[in-house]
C-alpha atoms as a PDB file:
ATOM      1  CA  MET A   1     -19.278  28.433 124.265  1.00  0.00           C
ATOM      2  CA  THR A   2     -21.751  28.413 121.707  1.00  0.00           C
ATOM      3  CA  ALA A   3     -25.515  27.829 122.074  1.00  0.00           C
ATOM      4  CA  GLN A   4     -24.693  24.339 120.040  1.00  0.00           C
ATOM      5  CA  ASP A   5     -22.208  23.567 122.182  1.00  0.00           C
ATOM      6  CA  ILE A   6     -23.557  23.725 125.633  1.00  0.00           C
ATOM      7  CA  LEU A   7     -26.306  21.738 124.167  1.00  0.00           C
ATOM      8  CA  LYS A   8     -24.809  19.415 122.585  1.00  0.00           C
ATOM      9  CA  THR A   9     -22.989  18.525 125.640  1.00  0.00           C
ATOM     10  CA  HIS A  10     -25.738  18.420 128.175  1.00  0.00           C
ATOM     11  CA  LEU A  11     -27.119  15.496 125.942  1.00  0.00           C
ATOM     12  CA  GLY A  12     -23.986  13.637 125.773  1.00  0.00           C
ATOM     13  CA  GLN A  13     -24.008  13.537 129.148  1.00  0.00           C
ATOM     14  CA  THR A  14     -26.885  11.051 128.706  1.00  0.00           C
ATOM     15  CA  ILE A  15     -26.970   9.928 125.135  1.00  0.00           C
ATOM     16  CA  ASP A  16     -24.682   9.577 121.601  1.00  0.00           C
ATOM     17  CA  LEU A  17     -26.154  11.164 118.479  1.00  0.00           C
ATOM     18  CA  SER A  18     -23.632  11.589 115.708  1.00  0.00           C
ATOM     19  CA  GLU A  19     -22.672  15.404 114.248  1.00  0.00           C
ATOM     20  CA  LYS A  20     -25.229  14.461 111.439  1.00  0.00           C
ATOM     21  CA  ASP A  21     -27.885  13.775 113.509  1.00  0.00           C
ATOM     22  CA  PHE A  22     -27.146  16.194 116.217  1.00  0.00           C
ATOM     23  CA  ASP A  23     -27.140  18.947 113.848  1.00  0.00           C
ATOM     24  CA  TYR A  24     -30.661  18.114 112.913  1.00  0.00           C
ATOM     25  CA  VAL A  25     -31.749  17.646 116.534  1.00  0.00           C
ATOM     26  CA  PHE A  26     -29.961  21.312 117.188  1.00  0.00           C
ATOM     27  CA  SER A  27     -31.995  22.817 113.838  1.00  0.00           C
ATOM     28  CA  HIS A  28     -35.664  21.975 116.020  1.00  0.00           C
ATOM     29  CA  PHE A  29     -34.085  24.667 118.480  1.00  0.00           C
ATOM     30  CA  LYS A  30     -34.827  28.235 118.498  1.00  0.00           C
ATOM     31  CA  PRO A  31     -32.558  30.729 120.625  1.00  0.00           C
ATOM     32  CA  ILE A  32     -34.400  33.479 122.442  1.00  0.00           C
ATOM     33  CA  SER A  33     -32.870  36.144 124.659  1.00  0.00           C
ATOM     34  CA  PHE A  34     -35.066  37.851 127.935  1.00  0.00           C
ATOM     35  CA  LYS A  35     -34.639  40.795 129.796  1.00  0.00           C
ATOM     36  CA  LYS A  36     -34.503  40.402 133.372  1.00  0.00           C
ATOM     37  CA  GLY A  37     -37.759  40.295 135.242  1.00  0.00           C
ATOM     38  CA  GLU A  38     -39.384  39.549 131.194  1.00  0.00           C
ATOM     39  CA  SER A  39     -42.277  37.258 131.134  1.00  0.00           C
ATOM     40  CA  ILE A  40     -42.328  33.858 129.463  1.00  0.00           C
ATOM     41  CA  ILE A  41     -45.169  31.910 130.447  1.00  0.00           C
ATOM     42  CA  ASN A  42     -48.313  33.692 131.871  1.00  0.00           C
ATOM     43  CA  ILE A  43     -52.002  32.442 133.787  1.00  0.00           C
ATOM     44  CA  GLY A  44     -53.452  31.945 130.473  1.00  0.00           C
ATOM     45  CA  ASP A  45     -51.293  31.522 127.894  1.00  0.00           C
ATOM     46  CA  VAL A  46     -51.138  28.987 125.558  1.00  0.00           C
ATOM     47  CA  VAL A  47     -48.022  27.027 125.994  1.00  0.00           C
ATOM     48  CA  ASN A  48     -46.258  25.381 123.154  1.00  0.00           C
ATOM     49  CA  TYR A  49     -41.900  25.445 124.055  1.00  0.00           C
ATOM     50  CA  GLU A  50     -39.982  24.375 127.139  1.00  0.00           C
ATOM     51  CA  TYR A  51     -37.371  26.105 127.305  1.00  0.00           C
ATOM     52  CA  PHE A  52     -33.604  24.978 128.096  1.00  0.00           C
ATOM     53  CA  VAL A  53     -31.406  27.641 129.919  1.00  0.00           C
ATOM     54  CA  LEU A  54     -27.770  28.687 128.201  1.00  0.00           C
ATOM     55  CA  ASP A  55     -27.529  31.520 130.591  1.00  0.00           C
ATOM     56  CA  GLY A  56     -29.744  33.321 133.105  1.00  0.00           C
ATOM     57  CA  CYS A  57     -31.969  32.158 135.713  1.00  0.00           C
ATOM     58  CA  ILE A  58     -35.929  31.512 135.310  1.00  0.00           C
ATOM     59  CA  LYS A  59     -38.403  31.056 137.845  1.00  0.00           C
ATOM     60  CA  THR A  60     -41.609  28.767 137.563  1.00  0.00           C
ATOM     61  CA  PHE A  61     -44.128  30.020 139.712  1.00  0.00           C
ATOM     62  CA  TYR A  62     -47.950  30.288 140.446  1.00  0.00           C
ATOM     63  CA  LEU A  63     -50.028  33.128 142.560  1.00  0.00           C
ATOM     64  CA  ASN A  64     -52.715  31.938 144.273  1.00  0.00           C
ATOM     65  CA  ASP A  65     -56.167  34.279 144.642  1.00  0.00           C
ATOM     66  CA  GLU A  66     -54.172  36.221 147.577  1.00  0.00           C
ATOM     67  CA  GLN A  67     -51.281  37.000 145.276  1.00  0.00           C
ATOM     68  CA  LYS A  68     -48.821  34.822 147.502  1.00  0.00           C
ATOM     69  CA  MET A  69     -46.094  33.514 145.296  1.00  0.00           C
ATOM     70  CA  PHE A  70     -45.276  29.919 145.311  1.00  0.00           C
ATOM     71  CA  ILE A  71     -41.757  28.854 143.468  1.00  0.00           C
ATOM     72  CA  LEU A  72     -41.938  25.695 141.967  1.00  0.00           C
ATOM     73  CA  GLN A  73     -38.829  25.903 140.257  1.00  0.00           C
ATOM     74  CA  PHE A  74     -35.186  27.786 139.622  1.00  0.00           C
ATOM     75  CA  ALA A  75     -34.124  26.890 136.302  1.00  0.00           C
ATOM     76  CA  MET A  76     -30.760  27.846 136.422  1.00  0.00           C
ATOM     77  CA  THR A  77     -28.382  27.236 132.870  1.00  0.00           C
ATOM     78  CA  ASN A  78     -29.039  23.475 131.376  1.00  0.00           C
ATOM     79  CA  TRP A  79     -32.092  23.082 133.517  1.00  0.00           C
ATOM     80  CA  TRP A  80     -35.295  22.689 131.415  1.00  0.00           C
ATOM     81  CA  ALA A  81     -38.471  24.849 132.054  1.00  0.00           C
ATOM     82  CA  SER A  82     -41.951  25.545 131.016  1.00  0.00           C
ATOM     83  CA  ASP A  83     -46.013  24.924 131.939  1.00  0.00           C
ATOM     84  CA  TYR A  84     -45.211  21.075 131.404  1.00  0.00           C
ATOM     85  CA  ASN A  85     -49.580  21.139 132.691  1.00  0.00           C
ATOM     86  CA  ALA A  86     -50.554  23.000 129.807  1.00  0.00           C
ATOM     87  CA  LEU A  87     -47.837  21.767 126.894  1.00  0.00           C
ATOM     88  CA  TYR A  88     -48.966  17.986 127.543  1.00  0.00           C
ATOM     89  CA  LEU A  89     -52.588  18.827 127.677  1.00  0.00           C
ATOM     90  CA  ASP A  90     -52.529  21.034 125.932  1.00  0.00           C
ATOM     91  CA  VAL A  91     -54.497  23.330 128.706  1.00  0.00           C
ATOM     92  CA  LYS A  92     -54.184  27.249 129.495  1.00  0.00           C
ATOM     93  CA  ALA A  93     -50.927  28.245 131.505  1.00  0.00           C
ATOM     94  CA  THR A  94     -51.831  27.935 135.406  1.00  0.00           C
ATOM     95  CA  LEU A  95     -47.803  28.731 136.002  1.00  0.00           C
ATOM     96  CA  MET A  96     -45.598  31.513 135.442  1.00  0.00           C
ATOM     97  CA  LEU A  97     -42.116  31.921 134.341  1.00  0.00           C
ATOM     98  CA  ASP A  98     -39.998  35.103 133.891  1.00  0.00           C
ATOM     99  CA  CYS A  99     -36.552  35.629 134.128  1.00  0.00           C
ATOM    100  CA  ILE A 100     -34.447  36.404 137.554  1.00  0.00           C
ATOM    101  CA  THR A 101     -31.583  37.798 135.185  1.00  0.00           C
ATOM    102  CA  ASP A 102     -31.035  38.074 131.542  1.00  0.00           C
ATOM    103  CA  THR A 103     -31.317  34.852 130.054  1.00  0.00           C
ATOM    104  CA  GLN A 104     -30.663  33.207 126.823  1.00  0.00           C
ATOM    105  CA  VAL A 105     -33.125  30.087 126.390  1.00  0.00           C
ATOM    106  CA  LEU A 106     -33.210  27.458 123.231  1.00  0.00           C
ATOM    107  CA  CYS A 107     -37.151  26.907 122.678  1.00  0.00           C
ATOM    108  CA  LEU A 108     -38.192  23.458 121.358  1.00  0.00           C
ATOM    109  CA  SER A 109     -41.844  23.069 120.191  1.00  0.00           C
ATOM    110  CA  ASN A 110     -43.935  20.328 122.213  1.00  0.00           C
ATOM    111  CA  GLN A 111     -44.483  19.007 117.686  1.00  0.00           C
ATOM    112  CA  ASP A 112     -41.013  18.877 117.552  1.00  0.00           C
ATOM    113  CA  ARG A 113     -39.615  17.467 120.582  1.00  0.00           C
ATOM    114  CA  GLU A 114     -42.212  14.596 119.570  1.00  0.00           C
ATOM    115  CA  LYS A 115     -40.765  14.621 116.275  1.00  0.00           C
ATOM    116  CA  LEU A 116     -37.495  14.373 117.539  1.00  0.00           C
ATOM    117  CA  CYS A 117     -39.022  11.608 119.945  1.00  0.00           C
ATOM    118  CA  ARG A 118     -39.952   9.486 117.216  1.00  0.00           C
ATOM    119  CA  GLU A 119     -37.413   9.559 114.570  1.00  0.00           C
ATOM    120  CA  PHE A 120     -34.149   9.105 117.674  1.00  0.00           C
ATOM    121  CA  TYR A 121     -34.426   6.871 119.950  1.00  0.00           C
ATOM    122  CA  PRO A 122     -32.045   8.231 121.719  1.00  0.00           C
ATOM    123  CA  MET A 123     -34.079  11.713 122.355  1.00  0.00           C
ATOM    124  CA  GLU A 124     -36.991   9.807 123.249  1.00  0.00           C
ATOM    125  CA  TYR A 125     -35.047   8.007 125.736  1.00  0.00           C
ATOM    126  CA  PHE A 126     -33.098  11.451 126.978  1.00  0.00           C
ATOM    127  CA  PHE A 127     -36.537  12.933 127.702  1.00  0.00           C
ATOM    128  CA  ARG A 128     -38.128  10.398 129.272  1.00  0.00           C
ATOM    129  CA  TRP A 129     -35.013   9.730 131.782  1.00  0.00           C
ATOM    130  CA  ARG A 130     -34.782  13.874 131.801  1.00  0.00           C
ATOM    131  CA  SER A 131     -38.899  13.436 133.085  1.00  0.00           C
ATOM    132  CA  ASN A 132     -37.810  10.167 135.390  1.00  0.00           C
ATOM    133  CA  LYS A 133     -34.936  13.035 136.952  1.00  0.00           C
ATOM    134  CA  GLY A 134     -37.880  16.123 138.108  1.00  0.00           C
ATOM    135  CA  TYR A 135     -40.495  13.631 139.197  1.00  0.00           C
ATOM    136  CA  ILE A 136     -38.089  12.056 141.684  1.00  0.00           C
ATOM    137  CA  ALA A 137     -36.965  15.976 142.201  1.00  0.00           C
ATOM    138  CA  ALA A 138     -40.477  16.709 142.893  1.00  0.00           C
ATOM    139  CA  GLN A 139     -40.878  13.608 145.266  1.00  0.00           C
ATOM    140  CA  LYS A 140     -37.837  14.344 146.689  1.00  0.00           C
ATOM    141  CA  ARG A 141     -39.171  18.004 147.384  1.00  0.00           C
ATOM    142  CA  LEU A 142     -42.401  17.013 148.520  1.00  0.00           C
ATOM    143  CA  LEU A 143     -41.370  15.079 150.904  1.00  0.00           C
ATOM    144  CA  SER A 144     -39.275  17.536 152.458  1.00  0.00           C
ATOM    145  CA  PHE A 145     -41.732  19.785 152.830  1.00  0.00           C
ATOM    146  CA  MET A 146     -43.869  16.870 154.458  1.00  0.00           C
ATOM    147  CA  ASN A 147     -41.207  15.903 157.302  1.00  0.00           C
ATOM    148  CA  ASN A 148     -38.598  18.994 157.721  1.00  0.00           C
ATOM    149  CA  ASP A 149     -38.319  22.185 159.132  1.00  0.00           C
ATOM    150  CA  ALA A 150     -37.231  25.518 157.452  1.00  0.00           C
ATOM    151  CA  LYS A 151     -33.750  25.514 158.776  1.00  0.00           C
ATOM    152  CA  TYR A 152     -33.389  22.204 156.919  1.00  0.00           C
ATOM    153  CA  ARG A 153     -35.297  22.772 153.706  1.00  0.00           C
ATOM    154  CA  TYR A 154     -32.806  26.016 153.721  1.00  0.00           C
ATOM    155  CA  GLU A 155     -30.101  24.142 154.743  1.00  0.00           C
ATOM    156  CA  GLU A 156     -30.475  21.315 151.970  1.00  0.00           C
ATOM    157  CA  LEU A 157     -31.215  23.939 149.116  1.00  0.00           C
ATOM    158  CA  MET A 158     -27.942  25.768 149.885  1.00  0.00           C
ATOM    159  CA  GLN A 159     -25.968  22.572 149.603  1.00  0.00           C
ATOM    160  CA  MET A 160     -27.559  21.100 146.693  1.00  0.00           C
ATOM    161  CA  TYR A 161     -27.040  25.087 145.088  1.00  0.00           C
ATOM    162  CA  PRO A 162     -24.558  27.117 146.861  1.00  0.00           C
ATOM    163  CA  GLN A 163     -25.229  29.877 143.738  1.00  0.00           C
ATOM    164  CA  LEU A 164     -28.351  30.761 144.428  1.00  0.00           C
ATOM    165  CA  TYR A 165     -28.067  33.057 146.655  1.00  0.00           C
ATOM    166  CA  ASN A 166     -25.493  34.889 144.504  1.00  0.00           C
ATOM    167  CA  ILE A 167     -28.431  34.711 141.644  1.00  0.00           C
ATOM    168  CA  VAL A 168     -31.954  35.315 143.473  1.00  0.00           C
ATOM    169  CA  PRO A 169     -33.220  37.291 145.409  1.00  0.00           C
ATOM    170  CA  LYS A 170     -33.290  36.686 149.153  1.00  0.00           C
ATOM    171  CA  GLN A 171     -37.532  36.910 148.847  1.00  0.00           C
ATOM    172  CA  LEU A 172     -38.006  34.793 146.108  1.00  0.00           C
ATOM    173  CA  ILE A 173     -35.615  31.876 147.930  1.00  0.00           C
ATOM    174  CA  ALA A 174     -38.010  32.388 150.958  1.00  0.00           C
ATOM    175  CA  ALA A 175     -40.806  31.602 148.445  1.00  0.00           C
ATOM    176  CA  TYR A 176     -39.423  29.330 147.468  1.00  0.00           C
ATOM    177  CA  LEU A 177     -39.289  27.270 150.652  1.00  0.00           C
ATOM    178  CA  GLY A 178     -42.481  28.535 151.823  1.00  0.00           C
ATOM    179  CA  VAL A 179     -41.451  31.012 154.910  1.00  0.00           C
ATOM    180  CA  SER A 180     -41.564  34.619 155.131  1.00  0.00           C
ATOM    181  CA  ARG A 181     -38.344  36.531 153.855  1.00  0.00           C
ATOM    182  CA  GLU A 182     -38.335  37.515 157.878  1.00  0.00           C
ATOM    183  CA  THR A 183     -37.549  33.631 158.641  1.00  0.00           C
ATOM    184  CA  LEU A 184     -35.161  33.539 155.387  1.00  0.00           C
ATOM    185  CA  SER A 185     -32.652  36.245 157.073  1.00  0.00           C
ATOM    186  CA  ARG A 186     -32.862  34.561 160.969  1.00  0.00           C
ATOM    187  CA  LEU A 187     -31.780  31.373 158.876  1.00  0.00           C
ATOM    188  CA  TYR A 188     -29.001  33.297 156.739  1.00  0.00           C
ATOM    189  CA  GLU A 189     -27.512  34.516 160.107  1.00  0.00           C
ATOM    190  CA  LYS A 190     -27.382  31.656 162.148  1.00  0.00           C
ATOM    191  CA  LYS A 191     -25.555  30.139 159.176  1.00  0.00           C
ATOM    192  CA  GLN A 192     -22.612  32.539 158.704  1.00  0.00           C
END
């Protein structure tokens, strides 16, 4: 599938656009490829884009003062990622994004997203719907952290995204779950 086909299918799950309107929408996206390990956003960067993943996997994370990594998101095919605080509020990045695998994305600038939302109600609806789903997912994850042990969170993650174990190194899954690599190994062994 081409980048156009992937985005068209993704948008089509939520909204209807004519061919002409979709072509116009697509003209605002910029394709970029990144290599495994390459940084997309670093702390302190100005953030102008959000990224729609065509292929590959991105992690969104934070490093505290002790350099401990806290992973907020793994963005795989058909997922979106950015430092949304920096993007929407025009402040410096506090999160980092980098590529776990070779990754192809479509970039959409904040200005172009706002322009598309003003010009096409379906695009405004799409981005509002996507933001709502992201907010719900964040709430569920926070509640899971507050209420469930590491074993439950691990099983929940593997049930929702079984492909992660084939894409994401185990130490990154451990960082996402808030456990050590050793704890994750014990949980993985019990699962098999």
